[in-house]
């Protein structure tokens, strides 16, 4: 029988939102320890730039993100929960030491295993568009290039 304390299947959308919101503390440095128990040991994470397998590798990836940023803030406008997946719309603002802050807009799909733990996580976002859009001298040329080449 699954341990309900570490299962997302019994949580409401509001509880999922609260749980993920607590990941980002007052100083803006994230602490994933409150959501780590909800991940399966064989988690598969994928986003625009990488695929990570296994909980230890996932935690290491999260720490690399934390180390790169002076502050990291997350806003969750929407959480939708189905029987075996959860979709989260998010806005993540990364504040760097030497570069302008960048806000990424994206969504996450969490697929749950039979025990209600996160088996797969897929993050969708426009990494380059959101980052380049925050660089004043580069934003215009980048957007013109994208319109010319991709419509």
C-alpha atoms as a PDB file:
ATOM      1  CA  UNK A   1       0.000   0.000   0.000  1.00  0.00           C
ATOM      2  CA  UNK A   2       1.487   3.424  -0.949  1.00  0.00           C
ATOM      3  CA  UNK A   3       2.539   5.865   1.755  1.00  0.00           C
ATOM      4  CA  UNK A   4      -0.136   8.577   1.443  1.00  0.00           C
ATOM      5  CA  UNK A   5       2.161  11.180   3.021  1.00  0.00           C
ATOM      6  CA  UNK A   6       4.420  10.977  -0.033  1.00  0.00           C
ATOM      7  CA  UNK A   7       1.665  10.571  -2.612  1.00  0.00           C
ATOM      8  CA  UNK A   8       0.364  13.381  -4.819  1.00  0.00           C
ATOM      9  CA  UNK A   9      -2.708  11.415  -5.869  1.00  0.00           C
ATOM     10  CA  UNK A  10      -4.661  12.372  -2.743  1.00  0.00           C
ATOM     11  CA  UNK A  11      -3.708  16.072  -2.733  1.00  0.00           C
ATOM     12  CA  UNK A  12      -5.966  18.812  -4.088  1.00  0.00           C
ATOM     13  CA  UNK A  13      -4.826  21.322  -6.713  1.00  0.00           C
ATOM     14  CA  UNK A  14      -4.519  23.968  -3.977  1.00  0.00           C
ATOM     15  CA  UNK A  15      -2.369  21.684  -1.829  1.00  0.00           C
ATOM     16  CA  UNK A  16      -0.095  20.955  -4.799  1.00  0.00           C
ATOM     17  CA  UNK A  17       0.201  24.725  -5.429  1.00  0.00           C
ATOM     18  CA  UNK A  18       1.053  25.356  -1.747  1.00  0.00           C
ATOM     19  CA  UNK A  19       3.586  22.529  -1.700  1.00  0.00           C
ATOM     20  CA  UNK A  20       5.409  23.806  -4.806  1.00  0.00           C
ATOM     21  CA  UNK A  21       5.197  27.432  -3.616  1.00  0.00           C
ATOM     22  CA  UNK A  22       6.986  26.514  -0.363  1.00  0.00           C
ATOM     23  CA  UNK A  23       9.943  25.341  -2.442  1.00  0.00           C
ATOM     24  CA  UNK A  24      10.944  28.985  -2.905  1.00  0.00           C
ATOM     25  CA  UNK A  25      11.697  30.599   0.476  1.00  0.00           C
ATOM     26  CA  UNK A  26      11.807  34.250   1.511  1.00  0.00           C
ATOM     27  CA  UNK A  27      15.402  34.735   0.349  1.00  0.00           C
ATOM     28  CA  UNK A  28      14.558  33.326  -3.066  1.00  0.00           C
ATOM     29  CA  UNK A  29      16.947  30.371  -2.806  1.00  0.00           C
ATOM     30  CA  UNK A  30      14.908  27.240  -3.470  1.00  0.00           C
ATOM     31  CA  UNK A  31      14.827  24.225  -1.192  1.00  0.00           C
ATOM     32  CA  UNK A  32      13.411  21.156  -2.911  1.00  0.00           C
ATOM     33  CA  UNK A  33      13.544  19.003   0.250  1.00  0.00           C
ATOM     34  CA  UNK A  34       9.800  19.448   0.866  1.00  0.00           C
ATOM     35  CA  UNK A  35       8.858  17.999  -2.552  1.00  0.00           C
ATOM     36  CA  UNK A  36      11.663  15.421  -2.973  1.00  0.00           C
ATOM     37  CA  UNK A  37       9.664  12.687  -1.181  1.00  0.00           C
ATOM     38  CA  UNK A  38       6.977  12.994  -3.876  1.00  0.00           C
ATOM     39  CA  UNK A  39       9.408  11.891  -6.611  1.00  0.00           C
ATOM     40  CA  UNK A  40       9.974   8.249  -7.573  1.00  0.00           C
ATOM     41  CA  UNK A  41      13.546   6.964  -7.305  1.00  0.00           C
ATOM     42  CA  UNK A  42      13.584   6.358 -11.077  1.00  0.00           C
ATOM     43  CA  UNK A  43      12.206   9.798 -12.030  1.00  0.00           C
ATOM     44  CA  UNK A  44      12.761  10.861 -15.641  1.00  0.00           C
ATOM     45  CA  UNK A  45      13.001  14.645 -16.051  1.00  0.00           C
ATOM     46  CA  UNK A  46      13.135  16.319 -19.440  1.00  0.00           C
ATOM     47  CA  UNK A  47      13.112  19.929 -20.586  1.00  0.00           C
ATOM     48  CA  UNK A  48      14.311  21.975 -23.573  1.00  0.00           C
ATOM     49  CA  UNK A  49      17.989  21.339 -22.905  1.00  0.00           C
ATOM     50  CA  UNK A  50      18.415  18.114 -20.945  1.00  0.00           C
ATOM     51  CA  UNK A  51      17.123  14.752 -19.847  1.00  0.00           C
ATOM     52  CA  UNK A  52      17.934  13.528 -16.339  1.00  0.00           C
ATOM     53  CA  UNK A  53      17.247  10.049 -14.961  1.00  0.00           C
ATOM     54  CA  UNK A  54      17.117   9.075 -11.302  1.00  0.00           C
ATOM     55  CA  UNK A  55      16.313  11.012  -8.143  1.00  0.00           C
ATOM     56  CA  UNK A  56      19.936  11.743  -7.201  1.00  0.00           C
ATOM     57  CA  UNK A  57      20.654  13.173 -10.665  1.00  0.00           C
ATOM     58  CA  UNK A  58      17.428  15.208 -10.508  1.00  0.00           C
ATOM     59  CA  UNK A  59      18.432  16.673  -7.122  1.00  0.00           C
ATOM     60  CA  UNK A  60      21.907  17.512  -8.493  1.00  0.00           C
ATOM     61  CA  UNK A  61      20.299  19.313 -11.453  1.00  0.00           C
ATOM     62  CA  UNK A  62      18.129  21.348  -9.063  1.00  0.00           C
ATOM     63  CA  UNK A  63      21.234  22.332  -7.064  1.00  0.00           C
ATOM     64  CA  UNK A  64      23.029  23.484 -10.240  1.00  0.00           C
ATOM     65  CA  UNK A  65      20.099  25.780 -10.996  1.00  0.00           C
ATOM     66  CA  UNK A  66      20.209  27.141  -7.447  1.00  0.00           C
ATOM     67  CA  UNK A  67      23.966  27.739  -7.640  1.00  0.00           C
ATOM     68  CA  UNK A  68      23.635  29.694 -10.918  1.00  0.00           C
ATOM     69  CA  UNK A  69      21.138  32.161  -9.492  1.00  0.00           C
ATOM     70  CA  UNK A  70      21.409  34.795  -6.805  1.00  0.00           C
ATOM     71  CA  UNK A  71      17.645  34.457  -6.353  1.00  0.00           C
ATOM     72  CA  UNK A  72      14.988  32.291  -7.912  1.00  0.00           C
ATOM     73  CA  UNK A  73      11.277  33.063  -7.626  1.00  0.00           C
ATOM     74  CA  UNK A  74       8.326  31.065  -8.858  1.00  0.00           C
ATOM     75  CA  UNK A  75       4.723  32.106  -9.462  1.00  0.00           C
ATOM     76  CA  UNK A  76       2.122  29.410 -10.239  1.00  0.00           C
ATOM     77  CA  UNK A  77      -0.933  30.911 -11.999  1.00  0.00           C
ATOM     78  CA  UNK A  78      -2.552  27.527 -12.656  1.00  0.00           C
ATOM     79  CA  UNK A  79      -2.492  23.956 -11.334  1.00  0.00           C
ATOM     80  CA  UNK A  80      -4.723  21.292 -12.917  1.00  0.00           C
ATOM     81  CA  UNK A  81      -4.833  17.788 -11.481  1.00  0.00           C
ATOM     82  CA  UNK A  82      -6.059  14.684 -13.263  1.00  0.00           C
ATOM     83  CA  UNK A  83      -6.143  11.103 -11.981  1.00  0.00           C
ATOM     84  CA  UNK A  84      -2.557  10.276 -13.000  1.00  0.00           C
ATOM     85  CA  UNK A  85      -1.004  13.609 -14.002  1.00  0.00           C
ATOM     86  CA  UNK A  86      -0.708  17.201 -12.827  1.00  0.00           C
ATOM     87  CA  UNK A  87      -0.152  20.230 -15.068  1.00  0.00           C
ATOM     88  CA  UNK A  88       1.406  23.367 -13.620  1.00  0.00           C
ATOM     89  CA  UNK A  89       1.652  26.737 -15.392  1.00  0.00           C
ATOM     90  CA  UNK A  90       4.570  28.753 -13.990  1.00  0.00           C
ATOM     91  CA  UNK A  91       6.577  31.952 -14.205  1.00  0.00           C
ATOM     92  CA  UNK A  92      10.133  31.552 -12.930  1.00  0.00           C
ATOM     93  CA  UNK A  93      12.255  34.657 -12.378  1.00  0.00           C
ATOM     94  CA  UNK A  94      15.977  34.052 -12.174  1.00  0.00           C
ATOM     95  CA  UNK A  95      18.099  36.829 -10.703  1.00  0.00           C
ATOM     96  CA  UNK A  96      21.757  36.549 -11.583  1.00  0.00           C
ATOM     97  CA  UNK A  97      24.785  38.250 -10.016  1.00  0.00           C
ATOM     98  CA  UNK A  98      26.092  39.929 -13.195  1.00  0.00           C
ATOM     99  CA  UNK A  99      23.248  39.660 -15.689  1.00  0.00           C
ATOM    100  CA  UNK A 100      19.745  41.109 -15.869  1.00  0.00           C
ATOM    101  CA  UNK A 101      16.924  39.124 -14.309  1.00  0.00           C
ATOM    102  CA  UNK A 102      15.122  36.779 -16.654  1.00  0.00           C
ATOM    103  CA  UNK A 103      11.596  35.467 -16.357  1.00  0.00           C
ATOM    104  CA  UNK A 104      10.774  32.178 -18.046  1.00  0.00           C
ATOM    105  CA  UNK A 105       7.153  31.281 -18.735  1.00  0.00           C
ATOM    106  CA  UNK A 106       6.325  27.625 -18.959  1.00  0.00           C
ATOM    107  CA  UNK A 107       4.338  24.585 -18.015  1.00  0.00           C
ATOM    108  CA  UNK A 108       5.193  21.336 -16.309  1.00  0.00           C
ATOM    109  CA  UNK A 109       3.503  17.989 -16.776  1.00  0.00           C
ATOM    110  CA  UNK A 110       3.949  15.612 -13.848  1.00  0.00           C
ATOM    111  CA  UNK A 111       3.058  11.980 -14.562  1.00  0.00           C
ATOM    112  CA  UNK A 112       2.332   9.896 -11.474  1.00  0.00           C
ATOM    113  CA  UNK A 113       3.110   6.220 -10.917  1.00  0.00           C
ATOM    114  CA  UNK A 114       0.765   3.735  -9.214  1.00  0.00           C
ATOM    115  CA  UNK A 115       1.917   4.950  -5.779  1.00  0.00           C
ATOM    116  CA  UNK A 116       1.096   8.585  -6.663  1.00  0.00           C
ATOM    117  CA  UNK A 117       4.755   9.644  -6.910  1.00  0.00           C
ATOM    118  CA  UNK A 118       6.182  11.648  -9.804  1.00  0.00           C
ATOM    119  CA  UNK A 119       7.524   9.174 -12.353  1.00  0.00           C
ATOM    120  CA  UNK A 120       8.076  11.627 -15.218  1.00  0.00           C
ATOM    121  CA  UNK A 121       8.397  15.396 -15.320  1.00  0.00           C
ATOM    122  CA  UNK A 122       8.381  17.305 -18.582  1.00  0.00           C
ATOM    123  CA  UNK A 123       8.971  21.067 -18.534  1.00  0.00           C
ATOM    124  CA  UNK A 124       7.984  23.129 -21.596  1.00  0.00           C
ATOM    125  CA  UNK A 125       9.301  26.672 -22.088  1.00  0.00           C
ATOM    126  CA  UNK A 126      10.963  28.992 -24.592  1.00  0.00           C
ATOM    127  CA  UNK A 127      14.396  29.268 -22.975  1.00  0.00           C
ATOM    128  CA  UNK A 128      16.106  31.441 -25.569  1.00  0.00           C
ATOM    129  CA  UNK A 129      13.150  33.693 -26.350  1.00  0.00           C
ATOM    130  CA  UNK A 130      12.547  34.516 -22.692  1.00  0.00           C
ATOM    131  CA  UNK A 131      16.235  35.073 -21.889  1.00  0.00           C
ATOM    132  CA  UNK A 132      17.101  37.000 -25.073  1.00  0.00           C
ATOM    133  CA  UNK A 133      13.968  39.115 -24.620  1.00  0.00           C
ATOM    134  CA  UNK A 134      15.524  40.513 -21.428  1.00  0.00           C
ATOM    135  CA  UNK A 135      18.736  41.703 -23.128  1.00  0.00           C
ATOM    136  CA  UNK A 136      17.897  45.183 -24.493  1.00  0.00           C
ATOM    137  CA  UNK A 137      20.344  45.301 -27.421  1.00  0.00           C
ATOM    138  CA  UNK A 138      19.637  41.674 -28.429  1.00  0.00           C
ATOM    139  CA  UNK A 139      15.850  41.350 -27.998  1.00  0.00           C
ATOM    140  CA  UNK A 140      14.859  43.209 -31.179  1.00  0.00           C
ATOM    141  CA  UNK A 141      17.272  41.450 -33.570  1.00  0.00           C
ATOM    142  CA  UNK A 142      16.426  38.045 -32.068  1.00  0.00           C
ATOM    143  CA  UNK A 143      12.652  38.540 -32.483  1.00  0.00           C
ATOM    144  CA  UNK A 144      13.134  39.827 -36.070  1.00  0.00           C
ATOM    145  CA  UNK A 145      15.244  36.755 -36.897  1.00  0.00           C
ATOM    146  CA  UNK A 146      12.602  34.411 -35.430  1.00  0.00           C
ATOM    147  CA  UNK A 147       9.771  36.094 -37.364  1.00  0.00           C
ATOM    148  CA  UNK A 148      11.770  36.013 -40.614  1.00  0.00           C
ATOM    149  CA  UNK A 149      12.840  32.352 -40.281  1.00  0.00           C
ATOM    150  CA  UNK A 150       9.885  30.753 -38.476  1.00  0.00           C
ATOM    151  CA  UNK A 151       6.903  32.911 -39.294  1.00  0.00           C
END
